[in-house]
Amino acid sequence: MTNGKSVNDDTSDDDLISDSPRGERREADPWSDFKSSSSEDERGESGRLETAEDVIRFIFAGKATLTVLGTATKTRFTFRVSIPPPYDDGRTSTVKFFVSVLDGPDNESNYRYLGNVFKKPDGWDYAWSKKSRIAEDAPSSKCFGWFFDTVIKERRMHPRMEVWHEGRCGRCGMKLTVPESIRDGIGPECRKKMGRDSQ
């Protein structure tokens, strides 16, 4: 995987997204630097997530697969955000979600671990993991960090970014058939359960 070119030196602070967990800053619009690593399959019955609220609900449902697309270059990366398995000894982890990226032709199994999502008192945070075989400065890693800062932390959609789900429920992974569920990526039964869980 080839790293993208560096951002121009004249980039202003206003063009930069919020600080990463390591104190580094991420490019505000890095799409032109990326080369796609996901398969060439069509999106099929996938649905576009239109708002930051829809993306947040979907990505934290527990078993979410989403594609982040840069519309200017048609570059895309597919990520999986899932709840980690519990410890055998009952310990509680600070990690709430594992993040992996599609890195091969099989869009069901060719995912590589990328990093972790943490829940903090002031909100959600993401950090690349040293255990990942994907480099921290790899295009897919930079893409997810920028996406997380923009959509999850700042709760806004970038005008040159689209977010798509794969046509399966973000909570249980079952194929979606109800039109409203296809739109936002959560099945009707899981929507009810998620509503009860949040109460």
N, C-alpha and C. Protein backbone atom coordinates (compact mmCIF):
# COMPACT_ATOMS: atom_id res chain seq x y z
N MET A 1 0.85 -1.18 0.00
CA MET A 1 0.00 0.00 0.00
C MET A 1 0.89 1.23 0.00
N THR A 2 0.63 2.13 -0.96
CA THR A 2 1.50 3.29 -1.13
C THR A 2 0.96 4.47 -0.35
N ASN A 3 1.82 5.12 0.41
CA ASN A 3 1.41 6.29 1.18
C ASN A 3 1.18 7.46 0.26
N GLY A 4 0.29 8.37 0.64
CA GLY A 4 0.00 9.55 -0.16
C GLY A 4 1.05 10.62 0.01
N LYS A 5 1.02 11.62 -0.87
CA LYS A 5 1.95 12.73 -0.76
C LYS A 5 1.60 13.57 0.45
N SER A 6 2.56 14.30 0.95
CA SER A 6 2.34 15.10 2.15
C SER A 6 1.48 16.30 1.84
N VAL A 7 0.81 16.81 2.88
CA VAL A 7 -0.04 17.98 2.70
C VAL A 7 0.83 19.20 2.48
N ASN A 8 0.33 20.19 1.71
CA ASN A 8 1.10 21.38 1.41
C ASN A 8 1.47 22.14 2.67
N ASP A 9 2.64 22.78 2.63
CA ASP A 9 3.13 23.50 3.80
C ASP A 9 2.26 24.71 4.13
N ASP A 10 1.51 25.22 3.14
CA ASP A 10 0.72 26.43 3.40
C ASP A 10 -0.67 26.12 3.92
N THR A 11 -0.91 24.87 4.33
CA THR A 11 -2.21 24.53 4.91
C THR A 11 -2.40 25.29 6.22
N SER A 12 -3.55 25.96 6.35
CA SER A 12 -3.80 26.76 7.55
C SER A 12 -4.38 25.91 8.65
N ASP A 13 -4.33 26.45 9.88
CA ASP A 13 -4.91 25.74 11.01
C ASP A 13 -6.40 25.52 10.82
N ASP A 14 -7.06 26.46 10.12
CA ASP A 14 -8.50 26.33 9.91
C ASP A 14 -8.84 25.14 9.02
N ASP A 15 -7.86 24.67 8.24
CA ASP A 15 -8.08 23.55 7.34
C ASP A 15 -7.79 22.21 7.99
N LEU A 16 -7.39 22.24 9.24
CA LEU A 16 -7.02 21.00 9.91
C LEU A 16 -8.10 20.56 10.87
N ILE A 17 -8.26 19.23 10.95
CA ILE A 17 -9.23 18.66 11.87
C ILE A 17 -8.60 18.58 13.26
N SER A 18 -9.39 18.24 14.26
CA SER A 18 -8.94 18.24 15.65
C SER A 18 -7.79 17.29 15.88
N ASP A 19 -7.07 17.48 17.00
CA ASP A 19 -5.90 16.71 17.32
C ASP A 19 -6.22 15.23 17.45
N SER A 20 -5.28 14.39 17.04
CA SER A 20 -5.40 12.95 17.24
C SER A 20 -5.01 12.62 18.66
N PRO A 21 -5.28 11.35 19.13
CA PRO A 21 -4.91 10.97 20.49
C PRO A 21 -3.42 11.13 20.78
N ARG A 22 -2.58 11.09 19.73
CA ARG A 22 -1.14 11.23 19.94
C ARG A 22 -0.67 12.68 19.82
N GLY A 23 -1.62 13.60 19.69
CA GLY A 23 -1.25 15.01 19.59
C GLY A 23 -0.89 15.44 18.19
N GLU A 24 -0.99 14.54 17.18
CA GLU A 24 -0.70 14.89 15.81
C GLU A 24 -1.97 15.44 15.17
N ARG A 25 -1.80 16.17 14.06
CA ARG A 25 -2.97 16.74 13.40
C ARG A 25 -3.17 16.04 12.07
N ARG A 26 -4.44 15.89 11.69
CA ARG A 26 -4.77 15.17 10.47
C ARG A 26 -5.24 16.14 9.40
N GLU A 27 -5.00 15.81 8.12
CA GLU A 27 -5.44 16.67 7.03
C GLU A 27 -6.96 16.76 7.01
N ALA A 28 -7.46 17.95 6.66
CA ALA A 28 -8.91 18.14 6.60
C ALA A 28 -9.51 17.52 5.35
N ASP A 29 -8.78 17.44 4.26
CA ASP A 29 -9.34 16.89 3.02
C ASP A 29 -8.27 16.06 2.31
N PRO A 30 -8.01 14.85 2.79
CA PRO A 30 -6.87 14.07 2.28
C PRO A 30 -7.22 13.15 1.12
N TRP A 31 -8.40 13.30 0.51
CA TRP A 31 -8.85 12.29 -0.46
C TRP A 31 -7.91 12.14 -1.64
N SER A 32 -7.32 13.22 -2.13
CA SER A 32 -6.48 13.11 -3.31
C SER A 32 -5.20 12.31 -3.04
N ASP A 33 -4.88 12.10 -1.76
CA ASP A 33 -3.66 11.35 -1.42
C ASP A 33 -3.88 9.85 -1.39
N PHE A 34 -5.12 9.39 -1.44
CA PHE A 34 -5.40 7.99 -1.19
C PHE A 34 -5.56 7.20 -2.47
N LYS A 35 -5.15 5.94 -2.41
CA LYS A 35 -5.43 4.98 -3.46
C LYS A 35 -6.26 3.87 -2.87
N SER A 36 -7.31 3.47 -3.58
CA SER A 36 -8.29 2.54 -3.03
C SER A 36 -7.70 1.17 -2.76
N SER A 37 -8.11 0.57 -1.62
CA SER A 37 -7.69 -0.79 -1.30
C SER A 37 -8.86 -1.75 -1.29
N SER A 38 -10.10 -1.25 -1.44
CA SER A 38 -11.25 -2.13 -1.37
C SER A 38 -11.53 -2.76 -2.72
N SER A 39 -12.38 -3.80 -2.71
CA SER A 39 -12.67 -4.54 -3.92
C SER A 39 -13.46 -3.70 -4.89
N GLU A 40 -13.58 -4.17 -6.13
CA GLU A 40 -14.27 -3.42 -7.16
C GLU A 40 -15.75 -3.79 -7.25
N ASP A 41 -16.27 -4.55 -6.28
CA ASP A 41 -17.67 -4.93 -6.29
C ASP A 41 -18.57 -3.70 -6.23
N GLU A 42 -19.71 -3.78 -6.88
CA GLU A 42 -20.69 -2.70 -6.79
C GLU A 42 -21.32 -2.69 -5.41
N ARG A 43 -21.89 -1.56 -5.02
CA ARG A 43 -22.49 -1.45 -3.71
C ARG A 43 -23.79 -2.23 -3.58
N GLY A 44 -24.42 -2.58 -4.73
CA GLY A 44 -25.61 -3.42 -4.70
C GLY A 44 -26.73 -2.77 -3.89
N GLU A 45 -27.18 -3.46 -2.84
CA GLU A 45 -28.30 -2.98 -2.03
C GLU A 45 -27.84 -2.11 -0.86
N SER A 46 -26.61 -1.68 -0.90
CA SER A 46 -26.12 -0.80 0.16
C SER A 46 -26.92 0.49 0.17
N GLY A 47 -26.89 1.18 1.31
CA GLY A 47 -27.58 2.45 1.45
C GLY A 47 -26.61 3.53 1.89
N ARG A 48 -26.83 4.72 1.40
CA ARG A 48 -26.01 5.85 1.78
C ARG A 48 -26.51 6.44 3.08
N LEU A 49 -25.60 6.65 4.02
CA LEU A 49 -25.93 7.29 5.30
C LEU A 49 -25.76 8.80 5.13
N GLU A 50 -26.86 9.53 5.21
CA GLU A 50 -26.88 10.93 4.80
C GLU A 50 -26.40 11.91 5.86
N THR A 51 -26.61 11.59 7.13
CA THR A 51 -26.31 12.55 8.20
C THR A 51 -25.29 11.97 9.18
N ALA A 52 -24.63 12.86 9.91
CA ALA A 52 -23.68 12.42 10.93
C ALA A 52 -24.39 11.59 12.00
N GLU A 53 -25.62 11.97 12.32
CA GLU A 53 -26.38 11.23 13.33
C GLU A 53 -26.63 9.80 12.88
N ASP A 54 -26.97 9.61 11.60
CA ASP A 54 -27.18 8.27 11.07
C ASP A 54 -25.89 7.45 11.10
N VAL A 55 -24.77 8.09 10.76
CA VAL A 55 -23.48 7.39 10.77
C VAL A 55 -23.12 6.96 12.18
N ILE A 56 -23.29 7.85 13.14
CA ILE A 56 -22.95 7.55 14.53
C ILE A 56 -23.80 6.41 15.07
N ARG A 57 -25.09 6.46 14.80
CA ARG A 57 -25.97 5.38 15.24
C ARG A 57 -25.55 4.04 14.62
N PHE A 58 -25.22 4.07 13.35
CA PHE A 58 -24.85 2.85 12.64
C PHE A 58 -23.49 2.32 13.11
N ILE A 59 -22.49 3.16 13.17
CA ILE A 59 -21.12 2.70 13.43
C ILE A 59 -20.97 2.13 14.84
N PHE A 60 -21.79 2.61 15.78
CA PHE A 60 -21.70 2.12 17.15
C PHE A 60 -22.80 1.11 17.49
N ALA A 61 -23.41 0.54 16.46
CA ALA A 61 -24.46 -0.46 16.70
C ALA A 61 -23.87 -1.78 17.18
N GLY A 62 -22.61 -2.06 16.81
CA GLY A 62 -21.95 -3.25 17.33
C GLY A 62 -21.35 -4.19 16.30
N LYS A 63 -21.84 -4.12 15.05
CA LYS A 63 -21.35 -5.03 14.01
C LYS A 63 -21.46 -4.34 12.66
N ALA A 64 -20.84 -3.18 12.56
CA ALA A 64 -21.03 -2.31 11.40
C ALA A 64 -19.92 -2.48 10.37
N THR A 65 -20.32 -2.55 9.11
CA THR A 65 -19.39 -2.48 7.98
C THR A 65 -19.79 -1.30 7.13
N LEU A 66 -18.87 -0.39 6.87
CA LEU A 66 -19.18 0.82 6.13
C LEU A 66 -18.07 1.15 5.16
N THR A 67 -18.43 1.80 4.07
CA THR A 67 -17.48 2.25 3.07
C THR A 67 -17.45 3.77 3.07
N VAL A 68 -16.25 4.33 3.18
CA VAL A 68 -16.06 5.78 3.12
C VAL A 68 -15.53 6.11 1.73
N LEU A 69 -16.25 6.95 1.02
CA LEU A 69 -15.94 7.27 -0.38
C LEU A 69 -15.58 8.73 -0.52
N GLY A 70 -14.46 9.01 -1.19
CA GLY A 70 -14.11 10.37 -1.59
C GLY A 70 -14.66 10.62 -2.97
N THR A 71 -15.65 11.51 -3.09
CA THR A 71 -16.35 11.65 -4.35
C THR A 71 -15.51 12.28 -5.45
N ALA A 72 -14.53 13.10 -5.09
CA ALA A 72 -13.71 13.77 -6.10
C ALA A 72 -12.85 12.78 -6.87
N THR A 73 -12.29 11.79 -6.16
CA THR A 73 -11.37 10.83 -6.78
C THR A 73 -11.95 9.43 -6.92
N LYS A 74 -13.16 9.21 -6.35
CA LYS A 74 -13.79 7.89 -6.30
C LYS A 74 -12.94 6.89 -5.52
N THR A 75 -12.10 7.39 -4.64
CA THR A 75 -11.31 6.54 -3.75
C THR A 75 -12.17 6.11 -2.58
N ARG A 76 -12.05 4.85 -2.17
CA ARG A 76 -12.87 4.36 -1.08
C ARG A 76 -12.11 3.35 -0.23
N PHE A 77 -12.51 3.28 1.03
CA PHE A 77 -12.01 2.26 1.96
C PHE A 77 -13.20 1.70 2.71
N THR A 78 -13.17 0.40 2.93
CA THR A 78 -14.23 -0.27 3.66
C THR A 78 -13.72 -0.67 5.03
N PHE A 79 -14.47 -0.30 6.07
CA PHE A 79 -14.06 -0.55 7.44
C PHE A 79 -15.11 -1.39 8.16
N ARG A 80 -14.65 -2.13 9.14
CA ARG A 80 -15.55 -2.88 10.03
C ARG A 80 -15.32 -2.38 11.45
N VAL A 81 -16.40 -2.01 12.12
CA VAL A 81 -16.33 -1.51 13.50
C VAL A 81 -17.20 -2.43 14.35
N SER A 82 -16.56 -3.18 15.24
CA SER A 82 -17.28 -4.22 15.98
C SER A 82 -16.91 -4.23 17.46
N ILE A 83 -17.84 -4.73 18.26
CA ILE A 83 -17.60 -4.86 19.70
C ILE A 83 -16.60 -5.99 19.93
N PRO A 84 -15.54 -5.76 20.71
CA PRO A 84 -14.56 -6.83 20.96
C PRO A 84 -15.14 -7.91 21.85
N PRO A 85 -14.63 -9.14 21.74
CA PRO A 85 -15.11 -10.21 22.62
C PRO A 85 -14.72 -9.93 24.07
N PRO A 86 -15.51 -10.40 25.03
CA PRO A 86 -15.20 -10.14 26.45
C PRO A 86 -13.99 -10.95 26.91
N TYR A 87 -13.33 -10.45 27.94
CA TYR A 87 -12.23 -11.20 28.54
C TYR A 87 -12.77 -12.46 29.22
N ASP A 88 -12.00 -13.53 29.18
CA ASP A 88 -12.41 -14.78 29.82
C ASP A 88 -12.53 -14.64 31.34
N ASP A 89 -11.70 -13.75 31.91
CA ASP A 89 -11.72 -13.60 33.37
C ASP A 89 -12.70 -12.53 33.86
N GLY A 90 -13.49 -11.98 32.94
CA GLY A 90 -14.51 -11.02 33.34
C GLY A 90 -14.03 -9.59 33.46
N ARG A 91 -12.77 -9.31 33.12
CA ARG A 91 -12.28 -7.94 33.19
C ARG A 91 -13.04 -7.04 32.22
N THR A 92 -13.10 -5.75 32.55
CA THR A 92 -13.74 -4.77 31.70
C THR A 92 -12.68 -3.99 30.93
N SER A 93 -12.82 -3.95 29.63
CA SER A 93 -11.84 -3.26 28.79
C SER A 93 -12.25 -1.82 28.55
N THR A 94 -11.26 -0.95 28.40
CA THR A 94 -11.55 0.44 28.03
C THR A 94 -11.83 0.55 26.53
N VAL A 95 -11.48 -0.48 25.79
CA VAL A 95 -11.74 -0.50 24.35
C VAL A 95 -13.20 -0.91 24.12
N LYS A 96 -13.95 -0.08 23.45
CA LYS A 96 -15.37 -0.37 23.19
C LYS A 96 -15.60 -0.97 21.81
N PHE A 97 -14.71 -0.65 20.85
CA PHE A 97 -14.86 -1.18 19.50
C PHE A 97 -13.48 -1.42 18.88
N PHE A 98 -13.39 -2.50 18.09
CA PHE A 98 -12.24 -2.75 17.24
C PHE A 98 -12.54 -2.18 15.85
N VAL A 99 -11.52 -1.63 15.21
CA VAL A 99 -11.66 -1.14 13.84
C VAL A 99 -10.72 -1.94 12.94
N SER A 100 -11.25 -2.43 11.83
CA SER A 100 -10.43 -3.14 10.85
C SER A 100 -10.74 -2.59 9.47
N VAL A 101 -9.85 -2.85 8.51
CA VAL A 101 -10.02 -2.32 7.17
C VAL A 101 -9.92 -3.46 6.16
N LEU A 102 -10.76 -3.39 5.12
CA LEU A 102 -10.71 -4.38 4.05
C LEU A 102 -9.40 -4.21 3.29
N ASP A 103 -8.64 -5.31 3.18
CA ASP A 103 -7.30 -5.23 2.62
C ASP A 103 -7.03 -6.40 1.67
N GLY A 104 -8.06 -6.82 0.93
CA GLY A 104 -7.90 -7.93 0.01
C GLY A 104 -9.16 -8.13 -0.81
N PRO A 105 -9.15 -9.12 -1.72
CA PRO A 105 -10.27 -9.30 -2.65
C PRO A 105 -11.52 -9.91 -2.03
N ASP A 106 -11.40 -10.62 -0.90
CA ASP A 106 -12.55 -11.24 -0.26
C ASP A 106 -13.17 -10.25 0.71
N ASN A 107 -14.33 -9.68 0.33
CA ASN A 107 -14.91 -8.63 1.18
C ASN A 107 -15.65 -9.15 2.39
N GLU A 108 -15.52 -10.45 2.67
CA GLU A 108 -16.07 -11.01 3.89
C GLU A 108 -14.99 -11.31 4.92
N SER A 109 -13.80 -11.69 4.46
CA SER A 109 -12.78 -12.17 5.40
C SER A 109 -11.45 -11.42 5.35
N ASN A 110 -11.19 -10.64 4.32
CA ASN A 110 -9.87 -9.99 4.18
C ASN A 110 -9.80 -8.66 4.91
N TYR A 111 -10.08 -8.69 6.22
CA TYR A 111 -9.99 -7.49 7.03
C TYR A 111 -8.76 -7.56 7.93
N ARG A 112 -8.09 -6.42 8.06
CA ARG A 112 -6.92 -6.32 8.94
C ARG A 112 -7.22 -5.34 10.06
N TYR A 113 -6.81 -5.72 11.24
CA TYR A 113 -6.99 -4.89 12.44
C TYR A 113 -6.26 -3.56 12.27
N LEU A 114 -6.94 -2.47 12.65
CA LEU A 114 -6.38 -1.13 12.47
C LEU A 114 -6.19 -0.39 13.79
N GLY A 115 -7.21 -0.38 14.65
CA GLY A 115 -7.09 0.37 15.90
C GLY A 115 -8.32 0.19 16.77
N ASN A 116 -8.47 1.08 17.75
CA ASN A 116 -9.51 0.94 18.77
C ASN A 116 -10.29 2.22 18.97
N VAL A 117 -11.56 2.06 19.34
CA VAL A 117 -12.40 3.19 19.72
C VAL A 117 -12.64 3.12 21.22
N PHE A 118 -12.45 4.25 21.90
CA PHE A 118 -12.60 4.33 23.34
C PHE A 118 -13.74 5.29 23.68
N LYS A 119 -14.40 5.01 24.79
CA LYS A 119 -15.41 5.93 25.31
C LYS A 119 -14.81 6.72 26.46
N LYS A 120 -14.79 8.05 26.31
CA LYS A 120 -14.23 8.93 27.32
C LYS A 120 -15.34 9.82 27.90
N PRO A 121 -15.09 10.44 29.06
CA PRO A 121 -16.13 11.30 29.66
C PRO A 121 -16.64 12.38 28.72
N ASP A 122 -15.76 12.88 27.84
CA ASP A 122 -16.17 13.96 26.94
C ASP A 122 -16.55 13.47 25.54
N GLY A 123 -16.68 12.15 25.38
CA GLY A 123 -17.10 11.63 24.08
C GLY A 123 -16.23 10.46 23.61
N TRP A 124 -16.35 10.16 22.32
CA TRP A 124 -15.63 9.04 21.72
C TRP A 124 -14.25 9.46 21.23
N ASP A 125 -13.31 8.50 21.24
CA ASP A 125 -11.98 8.76 20.71
C ASP A 125 -11.49 7.51 19.98
N TYR A 126 -10.66 7.72 18.97
CA TYR A 126 -10.08 6.62 18.20
C TYR A 126 -8.57 6.72 18.24
N ALA A 127 -7.89 5.57 18.31
CA ALA A 127 -6.44 5.53 18.29
C ALA A 127 -5.97 4.34 17.46
N TRP A 128 -5.05 4.62 16.53
CA TRP A 128 -4.38 3.55 15.80
C TRP A 128 -3.61 2.69 16.80
N SER A 129 -3.52 1.39 16.55
CA SER A 129 -2.84 0.47 17.46
C SER A 129 -1.48 0.05 16.93
N LYS A 130 -0.50 -0.02 17.81
CA LYS A 130 0.83 -0.52 17.43
C LYS A 130 0.79 -1.98 17.03
N LYS A 131 -0.28 -2.69 17.42
CA LYS A 131 -0.41 -4.10 17.06
C LYS A 131 -0.93 -4.28 15.63
N SER A 132 -1.33 -3.20 15.00
CA SER A 132 -1.84 -3.28 13.64
C SER A 132 -0.70 -3.53 12.65
N ARG A 133 -0.98 -4.32 11.62
CA ARG A 133 -0.02 -4.53 10.55
C ARG A 133 -0.15 -3.48 9.46
N ILE A 134 -1.13 -2.60 9.62
CA ILE A 134 -1.29 -1.45 8.72
C ILE A 134 -0.55 -0.27 9.36
N ALA A 135 0.32 0.37 8.62
CA ALA A 135 1.10 1.48 9.16
C ALA A 135 0.20 2.65 9.55
N GLU A 136 0.62 3.38 10.56
CA GLU A 136 -0.17 4.51 11.04
C GLU A 136 -0.37 5.57 9.96
N ASP A 137 0.64 5.72 9.07
CA ASP A 137 0.54 6.72 8.02
C ASP A 137 0.06 6.15 6.70
N ALA A 138 -0.42 4.91 6.70
CA ALA A 138 -0.98 4.32 5.49
C ALA A 138 -2.27 5.06 5.10
N PRO A 139 -2.59 5.12 3.82
CA PRO A 139 -3.79 5.85 3.40
C PRO A 139 -5.06 5.41 4.11
N SER A 140 -5.27 4.11 4.29
CA SER A 140 -6.49 3.64 4.95
C SER A 140 -6.54 4.09 6.40
N SER A 141 -5.39 4.09 7.07
CA SER A 141 -5.34 4.51 8.47
C SER A 141 -5.61 6.00 8.59
N LYS A 142 -5.00 6.79 7.71
CA LYS A 142 -5.24 8.23 7.72
C LYS A 142 -6.70 8.54 7.41
N CYS A 143 -7.26 7.77 6.49
CA CYS A 143 -8.66 7.98 6.12
C CYS A 143 -9.58 7.77 7.30
N PHE A 144 -9.41 6.67 8.04
CA PHE A 144 -10.33 6.43 9.15
C PHE A 144 -10.15 7.47 10.24
N GLY A 145 -8.92 7.86 10.53
CA GLY A 145 -8.70 8.90 11.53
C GLY A 145 -9.37 10.20 11.17
N TRP A 146 -9.26 10.59 9.90
CA TRP A 146 -9.90 11.83 9.45
C TRP A 146 -11.42 11.70 9.47
N PHE A 147 -11.93 10.57 9.00
CA PHE A 147 -13.36 10.31 9.03
C PHE A 147 -13.89 10.38 10.47
N PHE A 148 -13.20 9.76 11.41
CA PHE A 148 -13.65 9.74 12.80
C PHE A 148 -13.68 11.15 13.38
N ASP A 149 -12.62 11.91 13.13
CA ASP A 149 -12.58 13.28 13.64
C ASP A 149 -13.72 14.12 13.06
N THR A 150 -13.96 13.98 11.76
CA THR A 150 -14.95 14.81 11.08
C THR A 150 -16.38 14.44 11.46
N VAL A 151 -16.71 13.15 11.34
CA VAL A 151 -18.10 12.73 11.50
C VAL A 151 -18.45 12.46 12.97
N ILE A 152 -17.59 11.73 13.67
CA ILE A 152 -17.93 11.32 15.03
C ILE A 152 -17.68 12.44 16.03
N LYS A 153 -16.52 13.08 15.95
CA LYS A 153 -16.21 14.12 16.92
C LYS A 153 -16.89 15.45 16.59
N GLU A 154 -16.80 15.86 15.33
CA GLU A 154 -17.36 17.16 14.95
C GLU A 154 -18.81 17.06 14.49
N ARG A 155 -19.29 15.84 14.30
CA ARG A 155 -20.69 15.59 13.92
C ARG A 155 -21.09 16.36 12.67
N ARG A 156 -20.28 16.22 11.64
CA ARG A 156 -20.61 16.86 10.37
C ARG A 156 -20.16 15.96 9.22
N MET A 157 -20.84 16.11 8.08
CA MET A 157 -20.49 15.36 6.88
C MET A 157 -19.70 16.28 5.95
N HIS A 158 -18.58 15.79 5.45
CA HIS A 158 -17.78 16.58 4.53
C HIS A 158 -18.46 16.56 3.16
N PRO A 159 -18.47 17.70 2.44
CA PRO A 159 -19.16 17.75 1.15
C PRO A 159 -18.59 16.84 0.08
N ARG A 160 -17.33 16.42 0.22
CA ARG A 160 -16.73 15.52 -0.76
C ARG A 160 -16.56 14.11 -0.20
N MET A 161 -17.37 13.77 0.77
CA MET A 161 -17.33 12.44 1.38
C MET A 161 -18.72 11.82 1.38
N GLU A 162 -18.78 10.52 1.10
CA GLU A 162 -20.01 9.76 1.26
C GLU A 162 -19.72 8.56 2.14
N VAL A 163 -20.72 8.15 2.91
CA VAL A 163 -20.60 6.98 3.79
C VAL A 163 -21.73 6.03 3.42
N TRP A 164 -21.38 4.78 3.13
CA TRP A 164 -22.34 3.77 2.70
C TRP A 164 -22.27 2.55 3.61
N HIS A 165 -23.43 1.96 3.90
CA HIS A 165 -23.41 0.65 4.54
C HIS A 165 -23.62 -0.41 3.48
N GLU A 166 -23.44 -1.67 3.82
CA GLU A 166 -23.41 -2.75 2.83
C GLU A 166 -24.76 -3.45 2.65
N GLY A 167 -25.82 -2.89 3.22
CA GLY A 167 -27.12 -3.51 3.09
C GLY A 167 -27.42 -4.52 4.19
N ARG A 168 -26.61 -4.50 5.24
CA ARG A 168 -26.82 -5.39 6.38
C ARG A 168 -26.92 -4.55 7.66
N CYS A 169 -27.68 -5.05 8.61
CA CYS A 169 -27.89 -4.33 9.86
C CYS A 169 -26.57 -4.11 10.59
N GLY A 170 -26.38 -2.89 11.07
CA GLY A 170 -25.15 -2.57 11.80
C GLY A 170 -25.08 -3.20 13.17
N ARG A 171 -26.19 -3.76 13.66
CA ARG A 171 -26.19 -4.38 14.98
C ARG A 171 -26.09 -5.90 14.92
N CYS A 172 -26.87 -6.54 14.03
CA CYS A 172 -26.89 -8.01 13.99
C CYS A 172 -26.27 -8.59 12.73
N GLY A 173 -26.09 -7.77 11.69
CA GLY A 173 -25.47 -8.24 10.46
C GLY A 173 -26.41 -8.89 9.47
N MET A 174 -27.70 -8.94 9.76
CA MET A 174 -28.66 -9.56 8.84
C MET A 174 -29.00 -8.62 7.69
N LYS A 175 -29.34 -9.22 6.53
CA LYS A 175 -29.69 -8.45 5.35
C LYS A 175 -30.93 -7.60 5.61
N LEU A 176 -30.89 -6.35 5.14
CA LEU A 176 -31.99 -5.42 5.36
C LEU A 176 -32.97 -5.45 4.18
N THR A 177 -34.26 -5.43 4.48
CA THR A 177 -35.29 -5.43 3.44
C THR A 177 -36.31 -4.31 3.62
N VAL A 178 -36.50 -3.82 4.84
CA VAL A 178 -37.44 -2.72 5.09
C VAL A 178 -36.82 -1.43 4.56
N PRO A 179 -37.55 -0.67 3.74
CA PRO A 179 -36.97 0.55 3.14
C PRO A 179 -36.32 1.50 4.13
N GLU A 180 -36.98 1.77 5.26
CA GLU A 180 -36.39 2.67 6.25
C GLU A 180 -35.08 2.12 6.80
N SER A 181 -35.02 0.80 6.96
CA SER A 181 -33.81 0.18 7.47
C SER A 181 -32.69 0.23 6.44
N ILE A 182 -33.04 0.06 5.17
CA ILE A 182 -32.04 0.16 4.10
C ILE A 182 -31.46 1.57 4.08
N ARG A 183 -32.29 2.55 4.40
CA ARG A 183 -31.82 3.93 4.40
C ARG A 183 -30.78 4.19 5.48
N ASP A 184 -31.05 3.72 6.72
CA ASP A 184 -30.14 4.09 7.81
C ASP A 184 -29.33 2.94 8.39
N GLY A 185 -29.50 1.72 7.85
CA GLY A 185 -28.61 0.63 8.22
C GLY A 185 -28.93 -0.14 9.48
N ILE A 186 -30.09 0.11 10.08
CA ILE A 186 -30.48 -0.60 11.30
C ILE A 186 -31.84 -1.27 11.08
N GLY A 187 -31.92 -2.58 11.33
CA GLY A 187 -33.17 -3.30 11.17
C GLY A 187 -34.20 -2.89 12.21
N PRO A 188 -35.50 -3.11 11.93
CA PRO A 188 -36.56 -2.65 12.85
C PRO A 188 -36.48 -3.26 14.24
N GLU A 189 -36.18 -4.56 14.33
CA GLU A 189 -36.09 -5.19 15.65
C GLU A 189 -34.87 -4.67 16.42
N CYS A 190 -33.76 -4.52 15.73
CA CYS A 190 -32.56 -3.99 16.39
C CYS A 190 -32.75 -2.54 16.79
N ARG A 191 -33.51 -1.81 16.00
CA ARG A 191 -33.81 -0.41 16.35
C ARG A 191 -34.56 -0.35 17.68
N LYS A 192 -35.52 -1.25 17.86
CA LYS A 192 -36.26 -1.29 19.12
C LYS A 192 -35.33 -1.63 20.29
N LYS A 193 -34.46 -2.63 20.09
CA LYS A 193 -33.54 -3.04 21.15
C LYS A 193 -32.56 -1.93 21.49
N MET A 194 -32.08 -1.24 20.47
CA MET A 194 -31.15 -0.13 20.72
C MET A 194 -31.84 1.00 21.46
N GLY A 195 -33.12 1.23 21.17
CA GLY A 195 -33.88 2.24 21.90
C GLY A 195 -34.03 1.90 23.35
N ARG A 196 -34.28 0.61 23.62
CA ARG A 196 -34.41 0.18 25.03
C ARG A 196 -33.08 0.25 25.74
N ASP A 197 -31.98 -0.09 25.03
CA ASP A 197 -30.66 -0.08 25.65
C ASP A 197 -30.23 1.33 26.04
N SER A 198 -30.72 2.33 25.30
CA SER A 198 -30.30 3.70 25.56
C SER A 198 -31.11 4.36 26.67
N GLN A 199 -32.17 3.70 27.12
CA GLN A 199 -33.02 4.28 28.15
C GLN A 199 -32.45 4.07 29.55
